[in-house]
Amino acid sequence: AYASQVSSTLIQGDSHVIGAGKSQAVLSKVWNKVVDAVDSVSDNTGLKR
């Protein structure tokens, strides 16, 4: 999904800013859950982002 590609790019780009790998991993998990939710809603409703 488009949001997944954007989020992975943003997370990779921010990794050097965040610094700590552990916090990045937590943020990645949380963000991925958000992205999955958005993707499932948009898929179910047929909306294009």
N, C-alpha and C. Protein backbone atom coordinates (compact mmCIF):
# COMPACT_ATOMS: atom_id res chain seq x y z
N ALA A 1 0.84 -1.20 0.00
CA ALA A 1 0.00 0.00 0.00
C ALA A 1 0.87 1.25 0.00
N TYR A 2 0.30 2.31 -0.47
CA TYR A 2 1.06 3.57 -0.61
C TYR A 2 1.53 4.07 0.75
N ALA A 3 0.66 4.03 1.74
CA ALA A 3 1.02 4.54 3.07
C ALA A 3 2.17 3.74 3.66
N SER A 4 2.20 2.45 3.40
CA SER A 4 3.28 1.63 3.92
C SER A 4 4.61 2.05 3.34
N GLN A 5 4.64 2.35 2.04
CA GLN A 5 5.88 2.78 1.40
C GLN A 5 6.35 4.10 1.97
N VAL A 6 5.43 5.03 2.16
CA VAL A 6 5.78 6.34 2.69
C VAL A 6 6.29 6.21 4.12
N SER A 7 5.59 5.41 4.93
CA SER A 7 5.97 5.30 6.33
C SER A 7 7.34 4.66 6.47
N SER A 8 7.64 3.64 5.66
CA SER A 8 8.94 3.00 5.78
C SER A 8 10.05 3.96 5.37
N THR A 9 9.78 4.79 4.37
CA THR A 9 10.77 5.79 3.95
C THR A 9 11.00 6.82 5.06
N LEU A 10 9.89 7.27 5.68
CA LEU A 10 10.01 8.26 6.74
C LEU A 10 10.76 7.68 7.94
N ILE A 11 10.44 6.45 8.31
CA ILE A 11 11.08 5.82 9.46
C ILE A 11 12.57 5.65 9.20
N GLN A 12 12.94 5.24 8.00
CA GLN A 12 14.35 5.08 7.67
C GLN A 12 15.06 6.43 7.69
N GLY A 13 14.38 7.44 7.17
CA GLY A 13 14.99 8.76 7.13
C GLY A 13 15.17 9.36 8.51
N ASP A 14 14.28 9.00 9.44
CA ASP A 14 14.34 9.57 10.78
C ASP A 14 15.22 8.77 11.72
N SER A 15 15.72 7.62 11.29
CA SER A 15 16.43 6.74 12.20
C SER A 15 17.66 7.42 12.80
N HIS A 16 18.37 8.22 11.99
CA HIS A 16 19.56 8.88 12.51
C HIS A 16 19.19 10.02 13.44
N VAL A 17 17.98 10.57 13.29
CA VAL A 17 17.53 11.64 14.18
C VAL A 17 17.10 11.04 15.52
N ILE A 18 16.36 9.95 15.44
CA ILE A 18 15.89 9.29 16.66
C ILE A 18 17.09 8.78 17.47
N GLY A 19 18.08 8.23 16.76
CA GLY A 19 19.30 7.80 17.42
C GLY A 19 19.20 6.42 18.03
N ALA A 20 18.30 6.26 18.98
CA ALA A 20 18.20 4.98 19.68
C ALA A 20 17.43 3.96 18.84
N GLY A 21 18.05 2.82 18.58
CA GLY A 21 17.42 1.79 17.77
C GLY A 21 16.17 1.24 18.44
N LYS A 22 16.18 1.20 19.78
CA LYS A 22 15.05 0.61 20.48
C LYS A 22 13.81 1.47 20.30
N SER A 23 13.97 2.78 20.45
CA SER A 23 12.82 3.66 20.30
C SER A 23 12.33 3.66 18.86
N GLN A 24 13.26 3.53 17.91
CA GLN A 24 12.85 3.47 16.52
C GLN A 24 12.00 2.23 16.25
N ALA A 25 12.41 1.11 16.85
CA ALA A 25 11.67 -0.13 16.64
C ALA A 25 10.27 -0.02 17.20
N VAL A 26 10.15 0.61 18.37
CA VAL A 26 8.82 0.79 18.98
C VAL A 26 7.97 1.68 18.10
N LEU A 27 8.56 2.79 17.64
CA LEU A 27 7.81 3.70 16.78
C LEU A 27 7.38 3.01 15.50
N SER A 28 8.26 2.17 14.96
CA SER A 28 7.94 1.46 13.73
C SER A 28 6.74 0.55 13.94
N LYS A 29 6.73 -0.17 15.07
CA LYS A 29 5.61 -1.08 15.33
C LYS A 29 4.31 -0.30 15.47
N VAL A 30 4.34 0.79 16.23
CA VAL A 30 3.13 1.59 16.42
C VAL A 30 2.67 2.17 15.09
N TRP A 31 3.61 2.74 14.33
CA TRP A 31 3.24 3.35 13.06
C TRP A 31 2.69 2.32 12.09
N ASN A 32 3.29 1.12 12.09
CA ASN A 32 2.81 0.08 11.18
C ASN A 32 1.38 -0.31 11.50
N LYS A 33 1.03 -0.32 12.81
CA LYS A 33 -0.34 -0.63 13.17
C LYS A 33 -1.28 0.45 12.66
N VAL A 34 -0.86 1.70 12.76
CA VAL A 34 -1.67 2.81 12.26
C VAL A 34 -1.85 2.68 10.74
N VAL A 35 -0.74 2.40 10.06
CA VAL A 35 -0.79 2.28 8.60
C VAL A 35 -1.70 1.13 8.19
N ASP A 36 -1.59 0.00 8.90
CA ASP A 36 -2.43 -1.14 8.57
C ASP A 36 -3.90 -0.79 8.73
N ALA A 37 -4.21 -0.07 9.79
CA ALA A 37 -5.60 0.31 10.03
C ALA A 37 -6.10 1.22 8.92
N VAL A 38 -5.29 2.20 8.54
CA VAL A 38 -5.68 3.11 7.46
C VAL A 38 -5.85 2.35 6.16
N ASP A 39 -4.91 1.43 5.89
CA ASP A 39 -5.00 0.66 4.65
C ASP A 39 -6.27 -0.18 4.62
N SER A 40 -6.59 -0.84 5.74
CA SER A 40 -7.77 -1.71 5.74
C SER A 40 -9.04 -0.89 5.58
N VAL A 41 -9.09 0.28 6.20
CA VAL A 41 -10.27 1.14 6.07
C VAL A 41 -10.41 1.61 4.62
N SER A 42 -9.31 2.05 4.05
CA SER A 42 -9.38 2.57 2.68
C SER A 42 -9.69 1.44 1.69
N ASP A 43 -9.17 0.23 1.97
CA ASP A 43 -9.48 -0.89 1.10
C ASP A 43 -10.96 -1.25 1.19
N ASN A 44 -11.49 -1.24 2.41
CA ASN A 44 -12.89 -1.63 2.61
C ASN A 44 -13.85 -0.61 2.01
N THR A 45 -13.47 0.66 2.06
CA THR A 45 -14.36 1.70 1.55
C THR A 45 -14.09 2.00 0.08
N GLY A 46 -13.00 1.49 -0.46
CA GLY A 46 -12.68 1.73 -1.85
C GLY A 46 -12.10 3.11 -2.09
N LEU A 47 -11.67 3.77 -1.03
CA LEU A 47 -11.09 5.10 -1.19
C LEU A 47 -9.65 5.01 -1.67
N LYS A 48 -9.27 5.97 -2.50
CA LYS A 48 -7.88 6.05 -2.95
C LYS A 48 -7.20 7.17 -2.19
N ARG A 49 -6.00 6.89 -1.70
CA ARG A 49 -5.27 7.96 -1.01
C ARG A 49 -4.40 8.70 -2.00
